[in-house]
Structure formats: C-alpha cells, structure tokens
Amino acid sequence: MKRCIQPAGAAVLLAVTLVGCAEAQQVRDQADQVISQAQELGDLTRESVENFDWNSLSEYQDIYLGDNSKVVEFFRSMPSGPDMETFQIQGDEGKLIVNYGDEATTIDPAVLQTTMEEVAAQAKERVQNLETVEFHVGDKTYTF
C-alpha cells in the first residue's frame, strides 16, 4: 500500500508543480507585455518627432473634418498616434478632441507638448474646416 501511495503522491506533486510553472509562465508573459508597451511609449522622443517624415502624410491632404474614419486614420499615423484612445469631432465648431490613454501620462511632458503642437499644426494644414485641436492627457487639457 505504501508503495502505491508514494508514486501517487509524486504524481500529485508533479501536477501541482506543473500548474505552478504554467501560472508563473503566464505571469512572466503578462510582465513582458507590459514592458513592451512601456518601451513603445518610451519611443516617443523629441528626435522621433523632429525626424518624422511629415510628407508621408500627403495622402491626407484636404480631408474633411466630418470624415471620421480618415481623420482618425490620419491622427493615428502621426507620432503619438498609437497612444490616442478616442476621438470626438465637433464639426459645427471646427473642433477635434483627442483623448490619450493613461499610458501617455508617463511620457516626458516636454516631448508630449512638442508632439501635440506639431500634430495640431499638421492637422490644421491638412484637415478642412479644422480650427481647434484639443488634447486630453490624464486630467490636463491642451488646446491648439
């Protein structure tokens, strides 16, 4: 009887260990994902904004503010675009509101400010009827 219990106990111990390893691997995978996202956010630097090829956005010249999908696509293709979560178009006011995700609050404020200024300037050049771009970052609002 004792001989049967030992292999069964070893099997249970092995099963518990394997489950623990799977859970540990899952936690490691989640941590890697968070680190990867943080590194992507860290990629927004003054140089990445200064070196961005703004001419690559020529296909968006003269898009209409009311063309929601084109406006969103345009904004997402600029620096910090992946960090933009939601957009609200107020066409009658010529205004676009861009809400950044919480992750954007970790970006260097000076770099984010420069980025928003340039993004707003580029948008005003290319989007017809756009007069004001308002960015929401955490509890702060920036209007250009």
Protein backbone atom coordinates (compact mmCIF):
# COMPACT_ATOMS: atom_id res chain seq x y z
CA MET A 1 0.00 0.00 0.00
CA LYS A 2 2.83 2.35 0.92
CA ARG A 3 4.41 1.72 -2.49
CA CYS A 4 1.18 2.81 -4.29
CA ILE A 5 0.88 5.99 -2.25
CA GLN A 6 4.41 7.16 -2.99
CA PRO A 7 4.01 7.16 -6.80
CA ALA A 8 0.55 8.72 -6.48
CA GLY A 9 1.94 11.40 -4.17
CA ALA A 10 4.79 12.06 -6.57
CA ALA A 11 2.30 12.38 -9.43
CA VAL A 12 0.20 14.88 -7.45
CA LEU A 13 3.31 16.85 -6.51
CA LEU A 14 4.42 16.87 -10.15
CA ALA A 15 0.97 18.04 -11.29
CA VAL A 16 0.93 20.86 -8.73
CA THR A 17 4.43 21.88 -9.79
CA LEU A 18 3.47 21.92 -13.47
CA VAL A 19 0.38 24.03 -12.76
CA GLY A 20 2.55 26.40 -10.75
CA CYS A 21 5.01 26.61 -13.65
CA ALA A 22 2.21 27.36 -16.10
CA GLU A 23 0.89 30.12 -13.85
CA ALA A 24 4.39 31.51 -13.39
CA GLN A 25 4.88 31.50 -17.17
CA GLN A 26 1.58 33.31 -17.61
CA VAL A 27 2.67 35.99 -15.13
CA ARG A 28 6.02 36.32 -16.93
CA ASP A 29 4.23 36.68 -20.27
CA GLN A 30 1.98 39.41 -18.86
CA ALA A 31 5.00 41.23 -17.43
CA ASP A 32 6.78 41.03 -20.80
CA GLN A 33 3.71 42.51 -22.49
CA VAL A 34 3.59 45.43 -20.04
CA ILE A 35 7.32 46.06 -20.51
CA SER A 36 6.90 46.00 -24.28
CA GLN A 37 4.09 48.57 -24.09
CA ALA A 38 6.17 50.78 -21.82
CA GLN A 39 9.09 50.62 -24.25
CA GLU A 40 6.80 51.62 -27.12
CA LEU A 41 5.70 54.66 -25.12
CA GLY A 42 9.31 55.42 -24.33
CA ASP A 43 9.99 55.54 -28.06
CA LEU A 44 8.27 58.94 -28.30
CA THR A 45 11.25 61.26 -28.12
CA ARG A 46 11.91 64.76 -29.35
CA GLU A 47 14.08 63.22 -32.08
CA SER A 48 11.31 60.88 -33.24
CA VAL A 49 9.05 63.90 -33.70
CA GLU A 50 11.74 66.04 -35.36
CA ASN A 51 12.77 63.19 -37.68
CA PHE A 52 9.23 62.13 -38.60
CA ASP A 53 8.58 62.31 -42.35
CA TRP A 54 5.59 64.64 -42.41
CA ASN A 55 5.49 64.35 -46.22
CA SER A 56 4.39 60.74 -45.74
CA LEU A 57 1.00 62.17 -44.75
CA SER A 58 0.36 63.77 -48.16
CA GLU A 59 -2.46 61.31 -48.89
CA TYR A 60 -4.45 63.03 -46.15
CA GLN A 61 -4.26 66.48 -47.75
CA ASP A 62 -7.67 68.19 -47.79
CA ILE A 63 -9.61 65.53 -45.90
CA TYR A 64 -12.84 66.74 -44.35
CA LEU A 65 -13.27 67.06 -40.61
CA GLY A 66 -16.55 65.17 -40.97
CA ASP A 67 -14.82 62.13 -42.49
CA ASN A 68 -14.39 60.36 -39.16
CA SER A 69 -12.51 57.30 -40.36
CA LYS A 70 -10.00 59.30 -42.43
CA VAL A 71 -9.41 61.82 -39.64
CA VAL A 72 -8.78 59.06 -37.08
CA GLU A 73 -6.52 57.17 -39.52
CA PHE A 74 -4.59 60.39 -40.17
CA PHE A 75 -4.05 61.11 -36.47
CA ARG A 76 -3.05 57.54 -35.67
CA SER A 77 -0.35 57.64 -38.36
CA MET A 78 1.47 60.54 -36.69
CA PRO A 79 3.87 60.48 -33.72
CA SER A 80 1.98 59.55 -30.53
CA GLY A 81 -0.91 58.27 -32.67
CA PRO A 82 -0.86 54.80 -31.12
CA ASP A 83 -1.34 56.41 -27.69
CA MET A 84 -4.53 58.18 -28.79
CA GLU A 85 -7.55 56.27 -27.50
CA THR A 86 -10.66 58.14 -28.58
CA PHE A 87 -11.63 60.99 -30.86
CA GLN A 88 -14.60 63.32 -30.78
CA ILE A 89 -15.38 65.51 -33.77
CA GLN A 90 -17.40 68.64 -33.18
CA GLY A 91 -17.80 69.63 -36.81
CA ASP A 92 -20.08 72.61 -36.22
CA GLU A 93 -17.34 74.16 -34.06
CA GLY A 94 -14.45 73.03 -36.26
CA LYS A 95 -13.05 71.19 -33.27
CA LEU A 96 -11.45 67.79 -32.75
CA ILE A 97 -10.96 66.36 -29.27
CA VAL A 98 -8.28 63.70 -28.87
CA ASN A 99 -8.19 61.63 -25.68
CA TYR A 100 -4.89 59.98 -24.89
CA GLY A 101 -4.77 56.78 -22.85
CA ASP A 102 -3.46 56.78 -19.29
CA GLU A 103 -0.11 55.49 -20.55
CA ALA A 104 0.55 58.88 -22.16
CA THR A 105 0.89 60.45 -18.71
CA THR A 106 4.22 58.62 -18.41
CA ILE A 107 5.70 60.35 -21.48
CA ASP A 108 8.11 63.23 -20.89
CA PRO A 109 5.76 66.27 -20.69
CA ALA A 110 8.02 68.47 -22.82
CA VAL A 111 8.18 65.84 -25.57
CA LEU A 112 4.44 65.30 -25.43
CA GLN A 113 3.82 69.07 -25.61
CA THR A 114 6.08 69.40 -28.66
CA THR A 115 4.38 66.42 -30.27
CA MET A 116 0.88 67.76 -29.70
CA GLU A 117 1.86 71.19 -31.08
CA GLU A 118 3.26 69.66 -34.26
CA VAL A 119 0.38 67.19 -34.67
CA ALA A 120 -2.15 70.02 -34.29
CA ALA A 121 -0.27 72.21 -36.80
CA GLN A 122 -0.08 69.39 -39.33
CA ALA A 123 -3.76 68.60 -38.83
CA LYS A 124 -4.82 72.21 -39.35
CA GLU A 125 -2.87 72.25 -42.63
CA ARG A 126 -4.48 69.08 -43.95
CA VAL A 127 -7.98 68.79 -42.48
CA GLN A 128 -10.57 71.09 -43.99
CA ASN A 129 -12.73 73.03 -41.51
CA LEU A 130 -10.47 72.12 -38.56
CA GLU A 131 -9.85 75.17 -36.40
CA THR A 132 -9.09 73.74 -32.96
CA VAL A 133 -7.46 70.56 -31.72
CA GLU A 134 -7.93 69.76 -28.04
CA PHE A 135 -5.85 67.02 -26.43
CA HIS A 136 -6.81 65.40 -23.12
CA VAL A 137 -3.94 63.75 -21.26
CA GLY A 138 -4.89 62.48 -17.83
CA ASP A 139 -6.53 65.42 -16.06
CA LYS A 140 -4.86 68.04 -18.31
CA THR A 141 -6.24 69.68 -21.45
CA TYR A 142 -4.10 71.22 -24.19
CA THR A 143 -5.75 73.35 -26.87
CA PHE A 144 -4.14 74.39 -30.16
